[in-house]
Amino acid sequence: MSVSDDSSTEERGGDTFYSAMPPFRGFANLMDPSLYRPVPDGWLIGVADIVQSTRAIADNRYKAVNMAGAAVIASVTNALDNRDFPFAFGGDGASFAVSPQDAERAREALAATATWVKEDLDLTLRVALVPIGKIRAQGLDVRIARYAASPHVSYAMFSGGGLAWAEAAMKRGEFTVAVAPPGAHPDLTGLSCRFSEMPAERGLILSVLIVPASNDGAAFRRLIEDIVALVEKSPGAGRPVPAAGPPFRWPAQGVTYEALAQRGGPLVVRRLRVHAMTLFVYLLFRFGISAGGFVPKVYMQQVVENSDFRKYDDGLRMVLDCKPELADALERRLATAAAGGIARYGLHRQDAAMMTCFTLSASRPDHFHFVDGARGGYASAATALKAALH
């Protein structure tokens, strides 16, 4: 899961397609086709999303929606013994690719996660595994690049149109993974949401979703490069995670969700256990105390660097802390592209961002932090995209 290659992957029986892939640095390069490699024959594409996430957001349950999306990544990662595999967090869902050797374990993890999401979060999670051969039969593909967000972690970028097709097929009821029996609980070790919301520092938090509207790949590539350049050159935009790290208060906001994610014992006992652990961690941060290889200042710096606030999964997704003027400029540029039939887009403005974390060991630097808007985020941007389409 780190940027450096894991030489023990092959020894543990995992496919080295992704772990051996050299990561690229510089997000502005993400549209370079030479960075992307097609997934091997026989692989499967996993997709998952929350049904009626818009209603859950209206009920102020977006923390639960984000937790469900991140749970997909956590459960599959743990099922694969923490080996490298390509995934993308989508706010109200997730996508990934696995080798045929790992397909059954991924299927079981998806099935158990869907049951857990229904029983413990009171949400419905659609899950599917799509053979890459079915995607290529449509004239599409799934190509993957590995973006180094920091010296410690990398995130997968997906191109080729196959991921979008797989998600549409899932929504049509194809390639569905049946949910596990009642009471099934996936291994969600490392999944947490302890940090408080991150208020906008520059004016607003903007969730951005841009997808192609035609087969003119060259025009869409130019658009995405323009958008990324506009953001990176603007003094009025930046990552939505504060430079000093997200606020951490006690009692932590996500205690109940973290307790639900844990196994063993009644919920009240798990909740008390999480309260005790988060109090201990809060005191370490509050007084700058190091313990067992955990150095609060270093860990928080890694949280900032490792945060997953922009990605490409057959479309550009970003969560930006920006000035209203930049949001207006982005909207004008995207409206022009939409009028020209180049792209479809959705934007959602809000006052804060939120973070869901996947940390298997706080003493290691390769912990993942998934960022989304705190008032609807990517899901609301997708709703705006669909509204514009119709």
Protein backbone atom coordinates (compact mmCIF):
# COMPACT_ATOMS: atom_id res chain seq x y z
CA MET A 1 0.00 0.00 0.00
CA SER A 2 3.03 2.28 0.16
CA VAL A 3 4.72 4.00 -2.76
CA SER A 4 7.77 1.77 -2.56
CA ASP A 5 7.50 -1.65 -4.17
CA ASP A 6 6.68 -4.49 -1.79
CA SER A 7 9.06 -7.32 -2.67
CA SER A 8 7.20 -9.71 -0.37
CA THR A 9 4.00 -9.46 -2.40
CA GLU A 10 4.91 -12.28 -4.75
CA GLU A 11 6.02 -14.43 -1.84
CA ARG A 12 2.53 -14.09 -0.35
CA GLY A 13 0.97 -15.25 -3.59
CA GLY A 14 -0.37 -11.89 -4.76
CA ASP A 15 -0.34 -10.65 -8.32
CA THR A 16 2.41 -8.03 -8.79
CA PHE A 17 0.76 -6.10 -11.66
CA TYR A 18 -0.07 -3.13 -9.43
CA SER A 19 2.58 -3.35 -6.74
CA ALA A 20 5.35 -3.38 -9.36
CA MET A 21 3.91 -0.40 -11.23
CA PRO A 22 6.12 2.69 -10.85
CA PRO A 23 4.17 5.59 -9.32
CA PHE A 24 4.14 8.96 -11.02
CA ARG A 25 4.49 12.28 -9.25
CA GLY A 26 2.89 15.54 -10.23
CA PHE A 27 -0.90 15.40 -10.45
CA ALA A 28 -0.85 17.60 -13.55
CA ASN A 29 0.51 14.59 -15.48
CA LEU A 30 -2.52 12.39 -14.80
CA MET A 31 -3.83 12.57 -18.39
CA ASP A 32 -0.60 11.24 -19.92
CA PRO A 33 -1.71 7.94 -21.53
CA SER A 34 1.79 6.46 -21.23
CA LEU A 35 1.33 6.27 -17.46
CA TYR A 36 -1.60 3.87 -17.72
CA ARG A 37 -1.42 0.11 -18.15
CA PRO A 38 -4.33 -2.22 -19.00
CA VAL A 39 -5.29 -4.64 -16.25
CA PRO A 40 -4.30 -8.22 -17.10
CA ASP A 41 -6.72 -10.66 -18.71
CA GLY A 42 -8.83 -12.52 -16.20
CA TRP A 43 -8.99 -9.68 -13.69
CA LEU A 44 -12.25 -8.46 -12.19
CA ILE A 45 -13.48 -4.95 -11.55
CA GLY A 46 -15.29 -4.38 -8.26
CA VAL A 47 -17.84 -1.60 -7.95
CA ALA A 48 -20.06 -0.52 -5.08
CA ASP A 49 -22.37 2.37 -4.29
CA ILE A 50 -25.09 3.42 -1.89
CA VAL A 51 -28.64 3.22 -3.20
CA GLN A 52 -30.53 6.51 -2.75
CA SER A 53 -27.52 8.28 -1.25
CA THR A 54 -29.25 11.59 -2.02
CA ARG A 55 -31.98 10.75 0.49
CA ALA A 56 -29.37 9.80 3.10
CA ILE A 57 -27.62 13.12 2.54
CA ALA A 58 -30.94 14.97 2.95
CA ASP A 59 -31.27 13.17 6.29
CA ASN A 60 -27.80 14.48 7.29
CA ARG A 61 -26.29 10.98 7.17
CA TYR A 62 -23.35 11.68 4.89
CA LYS A 63 -20.88 10.54 7.54
CA ALA A 64 -22.54 7.10 7.37
CA VAL A 65 -22.49 7.21 3.55
CA ASN A 66 -18.75 7.96 3.53
CA MET A 67 -18.13 5.24 6.11
CA ALA A 68 -19.88 2.71 3.87
CA GLY A 69 -17.79 3.69 0.85
CA ALA A 70 -14.54 3.47 2.78
CA ALA A 71 -15.65 0.15 4.34
CA VAL A 72 -15.52 -1.44 0.88
CA ILE A 73 -11.83 -0.53 0.58
CA ALA A 74 -11.03 -1.57 4.15
CA SER A 75 -12.77 -4.95 3.94
CA VAL A 76 -11.16 -5.92 0.63
CA THR A 77 -7.73 -4.73 1.79
CA ASN A 78 -7.96 -6.83 4.95
CA ALA A 79 -9.27 -9.82 2.98
CA LEU A 80 -6.19 -9.57 0.73
CA ASP A 81 -3.79 -9.54 3.69
CA ASN A 82 -3.01 -5.85 3.22
CA ARG A 83 -1.46 -6.41 -0.21
CA ASP A 84 -1.35 -3.69 -2.84
CA PHE A 85 -4.35 -3.49 -5.15
CA PRO A 86 -5.81 -0.57 -7.11
CA PHE A 87 -8.87 1.17 -5.64
CA ALA A 88 -10.69 4.49 -5.77
CA PHE A 89 -12.93 6.06 -3.13
CA GLY A 90 -16.01 7.72 -4.58
CA GLY A 91 -17.73 9.22 -1.56
CA ASP A 92 -20.87 7.09 -1.63
CA GLY A 93 -19.06 4.04 -2.97
CA ALA A 94 -15.77 2.65 -4.21
CA SER A 95 -14.18 0.86 -7.16
CA PHE A 96 -11.23 -1.51 -7.42
CA ALA A 97 -9.56 -4.21 -9.50
CA VAL A 98 -8.40 -7.66 -8.35
CA SER A 99 -6.64 -10.64 -9.87
CA PRO A 100 -8.54 -13.90 -10.43
CA GLN A 101 -6.56 -15.45 -7.55
CA ASP A 102 -8.03 -12.84 -5.20
CA ALA A 103 -11.54 -12.77 -6.67
CA GLU A 104 -13.22 -15.12 -4.20
CA ARG A 105 -11.87 -13.35 -1.14
CA ALA A 106 -12.90 -10.00 -2.61
CA ARG A 107 -16.38 -11.39 -3.34
CA GLU A 108 -16.77 -12.59 0.25
CA ALA A 109 -15.59 -9.23 1.58
CA LEU A 110 -18.08 -7.37 -0.62
CA ALA A 111 -20.94 -9.64 0.40
CA ALA A 112 -20.20 -9.21 4.11
CA THR A 113 -19.77 -5.45 3.75
CA ALA A 114 -23.16 -5.13 2.07
CA THR A 115 -24.78 -6.99 4.98
CA TRP A 116 -22.94 -4.88 7.57
CA VAL A 117 -23.92 -1.63 5.83
CA LYS A 118 -27.56 -2.70 5.83
CA GLU A 119 -27.70 -3.94 9.42
CA ASP A 120 -25.43 -1.44 11.16
CA LEU A 121 -25.65 1.70 9.02
CA ASP A 122 -29.22 1.23 7.75
CA LEU A 123 -28.14 1.86 4.16
CA THR A 124 -28.30 -0.31 1.04
CA LEU A 125 -24.98 -1.01 -0.65
CA ARG A 126 -24.99 -2.33 -4.21
CA VAL A 127 -21.95 -4.49 -5.01
CA ALA A 128 -20.78 -6.17 -8.20
CA LEU A 129 -17.73 -7.90 -9.69
CA VAL A 130 -17.36 -7.45 -13.44
CA PRO A 131 -14.92 -9.60 -15.52
CA ILE A 132 -12.57 -7.45 -17.57
CA GLY A 133 -13.44 -9.57 -20.60
CA LYS A 134 -17.05 -8.34 -20.46
CA ILE A 135 -15.81 -4.75 -20.45
CA ARG A 136 -13.43 -5.27 -23.36
CA ALA A 137 -16.23 -6.89 -25.34
CA GLN A 138 -17.86 -3.43 -25.30
CA GLY A 139 -14.78 -1.87 -26.92
CA LEU A 140 -13.75 -0.33 -23.59
CA ASP A 141 -10.91 -1.04 -21.18
CA VAL A 142 -9.68 -0.48 -17.64
CA ARG A 143 -6.23 1.05 -17.55
CA ILE A 144 -4.52 1.96 -14.32
CA ALA A 145 -1.82 4.40 -13.25
CA ARG A 146 -0.36 4.85 -9.79
CA TYR A 147 -0.21 8.42 -8.45
CA ALA A 148 2.17 9.15 -5.57
CA ALA A 149 0.21 11.48 -3.33
CA SER A 150 3.16 11.56 -0.92
CA PRO A 151 6.43 9.70 -0.37
CA HIS A 152 4.41 7.16 1.64
CA VAL A 153 1.22 6.31 -0.24
CA SER A 154 -0.08 6.08 -3.78
CA TYR A 155 -3.60 6.03 -5.17
CA ALA A 156 -4.85 4.32 -8.33
CA MET A 157 -6.07 6.35 -11.31
CA PHE A 158 -8.46 4.61 -13.75
CA SER A 159 -9.01 5.35 -17.45
CA GLY A 160 -10.42 3.59 -20.51
CA GLY A 161 -14.15 3.97 -19.88
CA GLY A 162 -14.49 0.50 -18.40
CA LEU A 163 -15.03 1.60 -14.82
CA ALA A 164 -17.96 3.81 -15.79
CA TRP A 165 -19.47 0.95 -17.81
CA ALA A 166 -19.09 -1.45 -14.88
CA GLU A 167 -20.87 0.99 -12.55
CA ALA A 168 -23.73 1.38 -15.05
CA ALA A 169 -23.98 -2.40 -15.41
CA MET A 170 -24.17 -2.77 -11.62
CA LYS A 171 -27.02 -0.26 -11.49
CA ARG A 172 -28.83 -2.32 -14.15
CA GLY A 173 -28.57 -5.32 -11.83
CA GLU A 174 -25.82 -7.13 -13.73
CA PHE A 175 -22.84 -8.98 -12.17
CA THR A 176 -24.38 -8.53 -8.72
CA VAL A 177 -22.66 -10.01 -5.68
CA ALA A 178 -25.28 -11.51 -3.39
CA VAL A 179 -25.24 -10.14 0.15
CA ALA A 180 -23.96 -12.38 2.93
CA PRO A 181 -26.34 -13.98 5.44
CA PRO A 182 -27.63 -11.84 8.33
CA GLY A 183 -25.06 -11.17 11.02
CA ALA A 184 -22.07 -11.26 8.66
CA HIS A 185 -19.39 -8.76 9.66
CA PRO A 186 -16.41 -7.96 7.42
CA ASP A 187 -12.94 -7.35 8.80
CA LEU A 188 -12.86 -3.55 9.00
CA THR A 189 -9.68 -3.29 11.07
CA GLY A 190 -8.15 0.16 10.65
CA LEU A 191 -11.34 1.95 9.55
CA SER A 192 -12.12 5.07 11.56
CA CYS A 193 -13.51 8.59 11.31
CA ARG A 194 -12.16 10.34 14.40
CA PHE A 195 -11.28 13.75 12.96
CA SER A 196 -13.74 16.63 13.14
CA GLU A 197 -15.02 18.44 10.08
CA MET A 198 -12.56 20.77 8.36
CA PRO A 199 -14.12 24.23 7.81
CA ALA A 200 -13.22 26.05 4.61
CA GLU A 201 -10.28 28.42 5.10
CA ARG A 202 -10.46 30.20 1.73
CA GLY A 203 -14.21 30.66 1.39
CA LEU A 204 -15.82 27.36 0.45
CA ILE A 205 -15.29 23.65 -0.11
CA LEU A 206 -15.98 22.71 -3.72
CA SER A 207 -16.69 19.13 -4.79
CA VAL A 208 -15.93 18.68 -8.49
CA LEU A 209 -16.96 15.86 -10.83
CA ILE A 210 -16.13 15.99 -14.57
CA VAL A 211 -16.80 13.15 -17.03
CA PRO A 212 -16.49 12.94 -20.84
CA ALA A 213 -19.55 13.62 -22.97
CA SER A 214 -18.21 12.26 -26.26
CA ASN A 215 -15.50 10.09 -27.78
CA ASP A 216 -13.25 13.11 -28.40
CA GLY A 217 -10.55 12.01 -25.99
CA ALA A 218 -8.11 14.70 -27.08
CA ALA A 219 -10.52 17.53 -26.31
CA PHE A 220 -11.42 16.02 -22.94
CA ARG A 221 -7.76 15.58 -22.09
CA ARG A 222 -7.10 19.26 -22.86
CA LEU A 223 -10.05 20.24 -20.68
CA ILE A 224 -8.85 18.23 -17.68
CA GLU A 225 -5.32 19.56 -18.08
CA ASP A 226 -6.72 23.11 -18.22
CA ILE A 227 -8.81 22.57 -15.10
CA VAL A 228 -5.92 21.07 -13.11
CA ALA A 229 -3.59 23.86 -14.25
CA LEU A 230 -6.16 26.50 -13.32
CA VAL A 231 -6.45 25.06 -9.83
CA GLU A 232 -2.74 24.51 -9.27
CA LYS A 233 -1.78 28.01 -10.46
CA SER A 234 -4.44 29.76 -8.42
CA PRO A 235 -3.39 31.28 -5.08
CA GLY A 236 -7.02 30.92 -4.05
CA ALA A 237 -7.15 27.11 -4.02
CA GLY A 238 -5.61 24.29 -2.09
CA ARG A 239 -6.11 20.95 -0.42
CA PRO A 240 -9.07 20.93 1.96
CA VAL A 241 -6.95 19.52 4.81
CA PRO A 242 -5.43 22.31 6.96
CA ALA A 243 -1.63 22.53 6.94
CA ALA A 244 -1.57 21.65 10.64
CA GLY A 245 -3.87 18.70 10.07
CA PRO A 246 -7.61 18.22 10.60
CA PRO A 247 -9.05 19.16 14.01
CA PHE A 248 -9.17 16.34 16.55
CA ARG A 249 -11.46 16.85 19.51
CA TRP A 250 -12.75 14.61 22.25
CA PRO A 251 -15.26 13.06 22.40
CA ALA A 252 -14.58 12.20 18.75
CA GLN A 253 -17.47 12.71 16.31
CA GLY A 254 -17.25 9.27 14.72
CA VAL A 255 -17.19 7.10 17.83
CA THR A 256 -20.41 5.22 17.05
CA TYR A 257 -19.38 4.42 13.48
CA GLU A 258 -15.97 3.20 14.58
CA ALA A 259 -17.59 1.05 17.28
CA LEU A 260 -19.96 -0.44 14.70
CA ALA A 261 -16.97 -1.30 12.51
CA GLN A 262 -15.32 -3.29 15.28
CA ARG A 263 -15.96 -6.94 16.03
CA GLY A 264 -16.54 -8.56 19.40
CA GLY A 265 -18.86 -7.79 22.29
CA PRO A 266 -21.99 -5.68 22.70
CA LEU A 267 -22.10 -2.30 20.98
CA VAL A 268 -22.02 -0.44 24.29
CA VAL A 269 -18.74 -2.17 25.20
CA ARG A 270 -17.25 -1.42 21.80
CA ARG A 271 -18.31 2.21 22.11
CA LEU A 272 -16.67 2.52 25.53
CA ARG A 273 -13.53 0.90 24.11
CA VAL A 274 -13.42 3.43 21.28
CA HIS A 275 -14.04 6.31 23.71
CA ALA A 276 -11.09 5.15 25.82
CA MET A 277 -8.80 4.75 22.80
CA THR A 278 -9.74 8.11 21.29
CA LEU A 279 -9.20 9.82 24.66
CA PHE A 280 -5.73 8.27 24.84
CA VAL A 281 -4.93 9.43 21.30
CA TYR A 282 -6.39 12.88 21.98
CA LEU A 283 -4.07 13.30 24.98
CA LEU A 284 -1.09 12.24 22.88
CA PHE A 285 -1.94 14.89 20.29
CA ARG A 286 -2.85 17.52 22.88
CA PHE A 287 0.46 17.27 24.73
CA GLY A 288 2.68 16.06 21.88
CA ILE A 289 3.51 12.77 23.59
CA SER A 290 5.20 10.01 21.56
CA ALA A 291 4.32 6.38 22.32
CA GLY A 292 5.30 3.05 20.78
CA GLY A 293 6.76 4.55 17.62
CA PHE A 294 3.83 6.97 17.23
CA VAL A 295 4.94 10.60 17.00
CA PRO A 296 1.89 12.91 16.91
CA LYS A 297 3.49 15.74 14.92
CA VAL A 298 4.91 13.36 12.31
CA TYR A 299 1.65 11.42 12.02
CA MET A 300 -0.37 14.60 11.49
CA GLN A 301 2.02 15.78 8.80
CA GLN A 302 1.54 12.42 7.07
CA VAL A 303 -2.24 12.79 7.35
CA VAL A 304 -2.00 16.04 5.40
CA GLU A 305 0.37 14.63 2.77
CA ASN A 306 -1.47 11.31 2.35
CA SER A 307 -4.96 12.78 1.98
CA ASP A 308 -6.92 11.61 -1.05
CA PHE A 309 -8.65 14.79 -2.22
CA ARG A 310 -8.25 14.43 -6.01
CA LYS A 311 -8.32 11.47 -8.36
CA TYR A 312 -9.23 10.22 -11.82
CA ASP A 313 -11.61 7.28 -12.28
CA ASP A 314 -12.92 7.71 -15.85
CA GLY A 315 -13.52 11.30 -14.78
CA LEU A 316 -11.88 13.92 -12.60
CA ARG A 317 -12.92 14.19 -8.94
CA MET A 318 -11.59 16.89 -6.65
CA VAL A 319 -12.43 18.39 -3.28
CA LEU A 320 -10.99 21.89 -3.10
CA ASP A 321 -10.76 24.58 -0.47
CA CYS A 322 -11.06 27.64 -2.69
CA LYS A 323 -12.25 31.20 -3.07
CA PRO A 324 -15.71 31.75 -4.61
CA GLU A 325 -14.03 33.51 -7.54
CA LEU A 326 -12.14 30.36 -8.49
CA ALA A 327 -15.30 28.26 -8.16
CA ASP A 328 -17.04 30.70 -10.52
CA ALA A 329 -14.14 30.52 -13.01
CA LEU A 330 -14.20 26.71 -12.97
CA GLU A 331 -17.95 26.70 -13.52
CA ARG A 332 -17.66 29.05 -16.52
CA ARG A 333 -14.92 26.92 -18.08
CA LEU A 334 -16.93 23.74 -17.54
CA ALA A 335 -20.15 25.29 -18.85
CA THR A 336 -18.32 26.16 -22.08
CA ALA A 337 -17.01 22.58 -22.36
CA ALA A 338 -20.49 21.18 -21.73
CA ALA A 339 -22.00 23.44 -24.38
CA GLY A 340 -19.37 22.16 -26.81
CA GLY A 341 -20.26 18.54 -26.09
CA ILE A 342 -16.87 17.81 -24.55
CA ALA A 343 -17.80 17.08 -20.94
CA ARG A 344 -20.55 16.81 -18.37
CA TYR A 345 -19.95 18.11 -14.88
CA GLY A 346 -21.35 18.58 -11.41
CA LEU A 347 -20.22 21.04 -8.76
CA HIS A 348 -21.31 21.26 -5.15
CA ARG A 349 -20.42 24.11 -2.79
CA GLN A 350 -20.35 23.64 0.97
CA ASP A 351 -18.76 25.10 4.08
CA ALA A 352 -16.61 22.18 5.26
CA ALA A 353 -14.87 18.95 4.28
CA MET A 354 -14.76 15.64 6.12
CA MET A 355 -12.32 12.77 6.37
CA THR A 356 -12.63 8.99 6.76
CA CYS A 357 -9.44 7.13 7.59
CA PHE A 358 -7.93 3.71 7.03
CA THR A 359 -4.94 3.21 9.31
CA LEU A 360 -3.67 -0.29 9.96
CA SER A 361 -0.79 0.95 12.12
CA ALA A 362 -0.35 4.49 13.46
CA SER A 363 3.42 3.93 13.67
CA ARG A 364 3.65 3.30 9.91
CA PRO A 365 3.54 6.15 7.38
CA ASP A 366 1.25 4.42 4.84
CA HIS A 367 -2.15 5.38 6.25
CA PHE A 368 -4.95 6.47 3.92
CA HIS A 369 -7.30 9.42 4.43
CA PHE A 370 -10.33 9.82 2.16
CA VAL A 371 -11.64 13.37 1.84
CA ASP A 372 -15.09 14.50 0.74
CA GLY A 373 -17.33 17.48 1.18
CA ALA A 374 -19.21 17.49 4.49
CA ARG A 375 -22.58 18.58 3.07
CA GLY A 376 -23.13 16.16 0.23
CA GLY A 377 -19.75 16.13 -1.47
CA TYR A 378 -19.24 13.91 -4.50
CA ALA A 379 -22.74 12.44 -4.28
CA SER A 380 -24.34 15.89 -4.52
CA ALA A 381 -21.97 16.80 -7.37
CA ALA A 382 -23.14 13.65 -9.17
CA THR A 383 -26.76 14.67 -8.57
CA ALA A 384 -26.03 18.07 -10.11
CA LEU A 385 -24.41 16.33 -13.09
CA LYS A 386 -27.47 14.16 -13.65
CA ALA A 387 -29.81 17.15 -13.32
CA ALA A 388 -27.86 19.04 -15.98
CA LEU A 389 -27.97 16.00 -18.28
CA HIS A 390 -31.77 15.81 -18.08
